C-alpha atoms as a PDB file:
ATOM      1  CA  MET A   1      38.913 103.126 222.813  1.00  0.00           C
ATOM      2  CA  PRO A   2      36.687 102.731 225.735  1.00  0.00           C
ATOM      3  CA  ALA A   3      38.348 102.399 229.213  1.00  0.00           C
ATOM      4  CA  ILE A   4      38.916  98.944 230.035  1.00  0.00           C
ATOM      5  CA  ARG A   5      36.163  97.821 233.016  1.00  0.00           C
ATOM      6  CA  ALA A   6      37.882  94.428 233.976  1.00  0.00           C
ATOM      7  CA  ASP A   7      41.090  96.439 235.650  1.00  0.00           C
ATOM      8  CA  PHE A   8      42.245  93.494 237.481  1.00  0.00           C
ATOM      9  CA  SER A   9      45.351  91.640 235.942  1.00  0.00           C
ATOM     10  CA  LEU A  10      44.900  88.188 238.463  1.00  0.00           C
ATOM     11  CA  TYR A  11      41.507  86.490 238.677  1.00  0.00           C
ATOM     12  CA  LEU A  12      41.212  83.913 241.244  1.00  0.00           C
ATOM     13  CA  ILE A  13      38.477  80.983 240.533  1.00  0.00           C
ATOM     14  CA  SER A  14      37.019  79.314 243.544  1.00  0.00           C
ATOM     15  CA  ASP A  15      37.229  75.703 243.770  1.00  0.00           C
ATOM     16  CA  ARG A  16      36.432  74.602 247.632  1.00  0.00           C
ATOM     17  CA  HIS A  17      37.278  70.807 246.546  1.00  0.00           C
ATOM     18  CA  GLN A  18      41.066  71.660 246.020  1.00  0.00           C
ATOM     19  CA  LEU A  19      41.599  73.528 249.520  1.00  0.00           C
ATOM     20  CA  PRO A  20      44.425  72.179 251.560  1.00  0.00           C
ATOM     21  CA  ALA A  21      43.105  70.017 254.837  1.00  0.00           C
ATOM     22  CA  GLY A  22      41.946  72.077 257.495  1.00  0.00           C
ATOM     23  CA  GLN A  23      41.521  75.497 255.519  1.00  0.00           C
ATOM     24  CA  SER A  24      37.961  77.004 254.772  1.00  0.00           C
ATOM     25  CA  LEU A  25      37.417  78.786 251.028  1.00  0.00           C
ATOM     26  CA  GLU A  26      37.324  82.096 252.756  1.00  0.00           C
ATOM     27  CA  GLN A  27      40.117  82.084 254.843  1.00  0.00           C
ATOM     28  CA  VAL A  28      42.206  81.096 251.618  1.00  0.00           C
ATOM     29  CA  ILE A  29      40.703  83.749 249.596  1.00  0.00           C
ATOM     30  CA  GLU A  30      41.169  86.222 252.305  1.00  0.00           C
ATOM     31  CA  ALA A  31      45.110  85.360 252.142  1.00  0.00           C
ATOM     32  CA  ALA A  32      44.891  85.944 248.379  1.00  0.00           C
ATOM     33  CA  LEU A  33      43.331  89.013 248.395  1.00  0.00           C
ATOM     34  CA  ASP A  34      45.555  90.390 250.920  1.00  0.00           C
ATOM     35  CA  GLY A  35      48.313  89.216 248.567  1.00  0.00           C
ATOM     36  CA  GLY A  36      46.741  91.161 245.567  1.00  0.00           C
ATOM     37  CA  VAL A  37      44.330  89.477 243.731  1.00  0.00           C
ATOM     38  CA  GLY A  38      41.866  92.084 242.067  1.00  0.00           C
ATOM     39  CA  ALA A  39      38.903  89.577 241.460  1.00  0.00           C
ATOM     40  CA  VAL A  40      37.398  86.521 242.683  1.00  0.00           C
ATOM     41  CA  GLN A  41      34.957  84.000 240.834  1.00  0.00           C
ATOM     42  CA  LEU A  42      32.745  82.260 243.107  1.00  0.00           C
ATOM     43  CA  ARG A  43      32.355  78.825 240.963  1.00  0.00           C
ATOM     44  CA  GLU A  44      30.769  76.238 243.397  1.00  0.00           C
ATOM     45  CA  LYS A  45      28.500  74.372 240.975  1.00  0.00           C
ATOM     46  CA  ASP A  46      27.484  71.602 243.477  1.00  0.00           C
ATOM     47  CA  LEU A  47      26.227  74.156 246.200  1.00  0.00           C
ATOM     48  CA  PRO A  48      22.568  74.553 246.591  1.00  0.00           C
ATOM     49  CA  THR A  49      21.193  77.912 246.001  1.00  0.00           C
ATOM     50  CA  ASP A  50      20.645  79.078 249.724  1.00  0.00           C
ATOM     51  CA  ALA A  51      24.199  78.169 250.454  1.00  0.00           C
ATOM     52  CA  LEU A  52      25.654  79.569 247.279  1.00  0.00           C
ATOM     53  CA  TYR A  53      23.571  82.738 248.097  1.00  0.00           C
ATOM     54  CA  GLU A  54      25.006  83.045 251.719  1.00  0.00           C
ATOM     55  CA  LEU A  55      28.730  82.094 250.567  1.00  0.00           C
ATOM     56  CA  ALA A  56      28.617  84.865 247.982  1.00  0.00           C
ATOM     57  CA  CYS A  57      27.360  87.267 250.684  1.00  0.00           C
ATOM     58  CA  ARG A  58      30.316  86.405 252.700  1.00  0.00           C
ATOM     59  CA  LEU A  59      32.526  86.942 249.794  1.00  0.00           C
ATOM     60  CA  ARG A  60      31.054  90.323 248.830  1.00  0.00           C
ATOM     61  CA  ARG A  61      32.180  91.652 252.192  1.00  0.00           C
ATOM     62  CA  LEU A  62      35.458  90.332 251.928  1.00  0.00           C
ATOM     63  CA  THR A  63      36.227  91.237 248.504  1.00  0.00           C
ATOM     64  CA  ARG A  64      34.547  95.008 249.041  1.00  0.00           C
ATOM     65  CA  ALA A  65      37.246  95.047 252.322  1.00  0.00           C
ATOM     66  CA  TYR A  66      40.069  94.646 249.819  1.00  0.00           C
ATOM     67  CA  GLY A  67      38.757  96.657 246.859  1.00  0.00           C
ATOM     68  CA  ALA A  68      38.442  93.792 244.848  1.00  0.00           C
ATOM     69  CA  ARG A  69      35.752  92.365 242.390  1.00  0.00           C
ATOM     70  CA  LEU A  70      33.594  89.503 243.007  1.00  0.00           C
ATOM     71  CA  LEU A  71      31.855  87.703 239.982  1.00  0.00           C
ATOM     72  CA  ILE A  72      29.546  84.828 240.097  1.00  0.00           C
ATOM     73  CA  ASN A  73      29.789  81.878 237.891  1.00  0.00           C
ATOM     74  CA  ASP A  74      26.640  81.582 235.849  1.00  0.00           C
ATOM     75  CA  ARG A  75      24.426  82.682 238.185  1.00  0.00           C
ATOM     76  CA  ILE A  76      23.097  85.999 237.381  1.00  0.00           C
ATOM     77  CA  ASP A  77      20.338  85.811 240.168  1.00  0.00           C
ATOM     78  CA  ILE A  78      22.537  85.349 242.913  1.00  0.00           C
ATOM     79  CA  ALA A  79      24.844  88.095 241.855  1.00  0.00           C
ATOM     80  CA  LEU A  80      21.807  90.492 241.751  1.00  0.00           C
ATOM     81  CA  ALA A  81      20.839  89.046 244.896  1.00  0.00           C
ATOM     82  CA  ALA A  82      24.458  89.465 246.526  1.00  0.00           C
ATOM     83  CA  GLY A  83      25.452  92.508 244.835  1.00  0.00           C
ATOM     84  CA  ALA A  84      28.288  91.137 243.386  1.00  0.00           C
ATOM     85  CA  ASP A  85      30.378  93.292 240.509  1.00  0.00           C
ATOM     86  CA  GLY A  86      29.099  90.812 237.754  1.00  0.00           C
ATOM     87  CA  VAL A  87      28.608  87.279 236.618  1.00  0.00           C
ATOM     88  CA  HIS A  88      31.078  84.719 234.513  1.00  0.00           C
ATOM     89  CA  LEU A  89      29.537  83.121 231.918  1.00  0.00           C
ATOM     90  CA  THR A  90      30.126  79.648 230.421  1.00  0.00           C
ATOM     91  CA  GLU A  91      29.291  77.957 227.063  1.00  0.00           C
ATOM     92  CA  GLN A  92      26.035  76.693 228.329  1.00  0.00           C
ATOM     93  CA  SER A  93      24.950  79.935 229.989  1.00  0.00           C
ATOM     94  CA  LEU A  94      22.651  82.640 229.083  1.00  0.00           C
ATOM     95  CA  PRO A  95      23.819  84.915 225.657  1.00  0.00           C
ATOM     96  CA  VAL A  96      25.807  87.876 226.492  1.00  0.00           C
ATOM     97  CA  ALA A  97      22.987  90.327 225.272  1.00  0.00           C
ATOM     98  CA  ILE A  98      20.130  88.798 227.809  1.00  0.00           C
ATOM     99  CA  ALA A  99      22.674  88.807 230.991  1.00  0.00           C
ATOM    100  CA  ARG A 100      23.423  92.450 229.979  1.00  0.00           C
ATOM    101  CA  GLN A 101      19.680  92.967 230.109  1.00  0.00           C
ATOM    102  CA  LEU A 102      19.254  91.757 233.220  1.00  0.00           C
ATOM    103  CA  LEU A 103      22.743  92.993 234.792  1.00  0.00           C
ATOM    104  CA  GLY A 104      22.593  96.548 233.396  1.00  0.00           C
ATOM    105  CA  GLU A 105      25.472  98.477 232.489  1.00  0.00           C
ATOM    106  CA  GLN A 106      27.403  98.978 235.599  1.00  0.00           C
ATOM    107  CA  ARG A 107      28.013  94.903 236.154  1.00  0.00           C
ATOM    108  CA  LEU A 108      30.521  93.332 234.480  1.00  0.00           C
ATOM    109  CA  ILE A 109      30.228  90.142 232.182  1.00  0.00           C
ATOM    110  CA  GLY A 110      33.019  87.999 231.681  1.00  0.00           C
ATOM    111  CA  VAL A 111      32.849  84.503 229.558  1.00  0.00           C
ATOM    112  CA  SER A 112      34.796  81.419 228.782  1.00  0.00           C
ATOM    113  CA  THR A 113      36.297  80.942 225.599  1.00  0.00           C
ATOM    114  CA  HIS A 114      38.021  77.952 224.014  1.00  0.00           C
ATOM    115  CA  ALA A 115      38.469  79.112 220.666  1.00  0.00           C
ATOM    116  CA  LEU A 116      38.814  82.413 218.386  1.00  0.00           C
ATOM    117  CA  GLN A 117      35.564  82.661 216.886  1.00  0.00           C
ATOM    118  CA  ARG A 118      33.918  82.271 220.351  1.00  0.00           C
ATOM    119  CA  ALA A 119      36.041  84.699 221.750  1.00  0.00           C
ATOM    120  CA  SER A 120      35.408  87.204 219.065  1.00  0.00           C
ATOM    121  CA  GLU A 121      31.814  86.634 219.059  1.00  0.00           C
ATOM    122  CA  VAL A 122      31.268  87.229 222.889  1.00  0.00           C
ATOM    123  CA  ALA A 123      33.620  90.507 222.909  1.00  0.00           C
ATOM    124  CA  GLU A 124      31.209  92.091 219.980  1.00  0.00           C
ATOM    125  CA  GLN A 125      28.066  90.935 222.065  1.00  0.00           C
ATOM    126  CA  GLY A 126      29.778  93.314 225.123  1.00  0.00           C
ATOM    127  CA  ALA A 127      31.542  91.019 226.982  1.00  0.00           C
ATOM    128  CA  ASP A 128      33.896  93.120 229.298  1.00  0.00           C
ATOM    129  CA  PHE A 129      36.569  90.488 229.280  1.00  0.00           C
ATOM    130  CA  ILE A 130      37.164  86.831 228.253  1.00  0.00           C
ATOM    131  CA  THR A 131      39.365  83.975 229.846  1.00  0.00           C
ATOM    132  CA  PHE A 132      40.801  81.867 227.171  1.00  0.00           C
ATOM    133  CA  SER A 133      41.686  78.541 227.707  1.00  0.00           C
ATOM    134  CA  PRO A 134      43.820  76.008 228.296  1.00  0.00           C
ATOM    135  CA  ILE A 135      46.930  77.850 227.329  1.00  0.00           C
ATOM    136  CA  TYR A 136      49.163  74.928 229.193  1.00  0.00           C
ATOM    137  CA  ALA A 137      47.888  71.123 230.040  1.00  0.00           C
ATOM    138  CA  THR A 138      46.087  71.163 232.831  1.00  0.00           C
ATOM    139  CA  PRO A 139      43.694  68.388 234.565  1.00  0.00           C
ATOM    140  CA  SER A 140      40.974  71.027 235.235  1.00  0.00           C
ATOM    141  CA  LYS A 141      40.754  72.085 231.423  1.00  0.00           C
ATOM    142  CA  ALA A 142      41.254  68.399 230.405  1.00  0.00           C
ATOM    143  CA  ALA A 143      37.526  68.051 228.608  1.00  0.00           C
ATOM    144  CA  TYR A 144      38.315  71.315 226.542  1.00  0.00           C
ATOM    145  CA  GLY A 145      41.178  69.550 224.629  1.00  0.00           C
ATOM    146  CA  ALA A 146      44.761  70.139 223.784  1.00  0.00           C
ATOM    147  CA  PRO A 147      46.429  73.060 225.327  1.00  0.00           C
ATOM    148  CA  GLN A 148      46.055  76.336 223.075  1.00  0.00           C
ATOM    149  CA  GLY A 149      49.384  77.192 223.371  1.00  0.00           C
ATOM    150  CA  LEU A 150      51.056  80.795 223.110  1.00  0.00           C
ATOM    151  CA  ASP A 151      50.991  81.287 219.842  1.00  0.00           C
ATOM    152  CA  ARG A 152      46.736  80.773 219.604  1.00  0.00           C
ATOM    153  CA  LEU A 153      46.996  83.261 223.123  1.00  0.00           C
ATOM    154  CA  ARG A 154      48.561  85.508 220.894  1.00  0.00           C
ATOM    155  CA  GLU A 155      46.406  85.313 217.876  1.00  0.00           C
ATOM    156  CA  VAL A 156      43.413  85.962 220.462  1.00  0.00           C
ATOM    157  CA  CYS A 157      44.694  88.705 222.116  1.00  0.00           C
ATOM    158  CA  ASP A 158      45.556  90.494 218.790  1.00  0.00           C
ATOM    159  CA  ARG A 159      42.065  90.072 217.366  1.00  0.00           C
ATOM    160  CA  VAL A 160      39.754  90.652 220.259  1.00  0.00           C
ATOM    161  CA  ARG A 161      39.150  94.161 221.763  1.00  0.00           C
ATOM    162  CA  VAL A 162      38.466  93.284 225.348  1.00  0.00           C
ATOM    163  CA  PRO A 163      40.896  91.891 227.931  1.00  0.00           C
ATOM    164  CA  VAL A 164      42.029  88.494 227.703  1.00  0.00           C
ATOM    165  CA  LEU A 165      42.878  86.524 230.418  1.00  0.00           C
ATOM    166  CA  ALA A 166      45.063  83.369 230.222  1.00  0.00           C
ATOM    167  CA  LEU A 167      43.740  80.453 232.252  1.00  0.00           C
ATOM    168  CA  GLY A 168      45.110  76.560 232.539  1.00  0.00           C
ATOM    169  CA  GLY A 169      48.316  75.519 233.895  1.00  0.00           C
ATOM    170  CA  ILE A 170      49.834  79.046 234.378  1.00  0.00           C
ATOM    171  CA  ASN A 171      52.277  79.065 237.428  1.00  0.00           C
ATOM    172  CA  ALA A 172      54.346  82.166 238.485  1.00  0.00           C
ATOM    173  CA  GLU A 173      57.412  80.970 236.031  1.00  0.00           C
ATOM    174  CA  ARG A 174      55.152  81.152 232.961  1.00  0.00           C
ATOM    175  CA  ALA A 175      53.151  84.377 233.654  1.00  0.00           C
ATOM    176  CA  HIS A 176      55.904  86.469 231.918  1.00  0.00           C
ATOM    177  CA  GLU A 177      54.937  84.416 228.971  1.00  0.00           C
ATOM    178  CA  VAL A 178      51.439  84.930 228.713  1.00  0.00           C
ATOM    179  CA  ARG A 179      51.918  88.434 229.411  1.00  0.00           C
ATOM    180  CA  THR A 180      54.472  88.753 226.609  1.00  0.00           C
ATOM    181  CA  ALA A 181      51.885  86.964 224.282  1.00  0.00           C
ATOM    182  CA  GLY A 182      49.378  89.743 224.816  1.00  0.00           C
ATOM    183  CA  ALA A 183      47.234  88.619 227.649  1.00  0.00           C
ATOM    184  CA  HIS A 184      46.027  91.430 230.098  1.00  0.00           C
ATOM    185  CA  GLY A 185      46.630  89.229 232.927  1.00  0.00           C
ATOM    186  CA  ILE A 186      45.908  85.507 234.515  1.00  0.00           C
ATOM    187  CA  ALA A 187      42.982  83.358 235.649  1.00  0.00           C
ATOM    188  CA  LEU A 188      43.912  80.904 237.787  1.00  0.00           C
ATOM    189  CA  ILE A 189      42.424  78.030 240.287  1.00  0.00           C
ATOM    190  CA  SER A 190      45.138  75.868 242.013  1.00  0.00           C
ATOM    191  CA  ALA A 191      48.580  77.634 241.605  1.00  0.00           C
ATOM    192  CA  ILE A 192      46.807  79.705 244.852  1.00  0.00           C
ATOM    193  CA  LEU A 193      44.011  77.735 246.098  1.00  0.00           C
ATOM    194  CA  CYS A 194      46.570  75.021 246.882  1.00  0.00           C
ATOM    195  CA  ALA A 195      49.499  76.983 248.096  1.00  0.00           C
ATOM    196  CA  ARG A 196      51.099  76.699 251.116  1.00  0.00           C
ATOM    197  CA  ASP A 197      51.051  80.568 251.558  1.00  0.00           C
ATOM    198  CA  PRO A 198      48.251  81.940 249.193  1.00  0.00           C
ATOM    199  CA  ALA A 199      49.136  85.438 250.080  1.00  0.00           C
ATOM    200  CA  ALA A 200      52.957  84.709 248.959  1.00  0.00           C
ATOM    201  CA  ALA A 201      51.564  82.974 245.707  1.00  0.00           C
ATOM    202  CA  ALA A 202      49.421  85.822 244.871  1.00  0.00           C
ATOM    203  CA  ARG A 203      52.390  88.336 244.925  1.00  0.00           C
ATOM    204  CA  ALA A 204      54.608  85.696 243.183  1.00  0.00           C
ATOM    205  CA  PHE A 205      52.155  86.138 240.332  1.00  0.00           C
ATOM    206  CA  LEU A 206      51.993  90.057 240.603  1.00  0.00           C
ATOM    207  CA  ALA A 207      55.948  90.404 240.358  1.00  0.00           C
END
């Protein structure tokens, strides 16, 4: 079996609109990295290209200092320009095969999925890992329908040959449940970004 390239179990997805008052995205992400977050997805869809690029460059320096991965949501051009480790594709993004042609073999490709068929397809197309959501009810994933639940997560993990990161409504108490169901790791937003102590929150998940 090929080596797992997505060698992280805690994947933080950015959303600067959820930050506590007085905190910058970089401050919170650095604290999370200090707590052990292994990869960060820069997902700020409403930023103009120049601002997104500048933020990506700053986060690239931060993640590199902590030995963590940086992926850019959807924007292959920004990922290449900022020297990120890869991209995270959505259901509206370019196909995985085209992204691979543009990125080369060294960079990572993650893909958001919400059904077994989609998860299987992108894994076969060459994705390095997938997120599968929503596992539990959460406002950020309400548009994707009812929670998938642990049984569906278990089915995806059993049938897909790349690491599956569970996403949606996962707190530290539920982390053990999703790992027991077969998830390689956890992707999350508010549980760390909104925490009073992001470093402690990250450590709690890893524990």
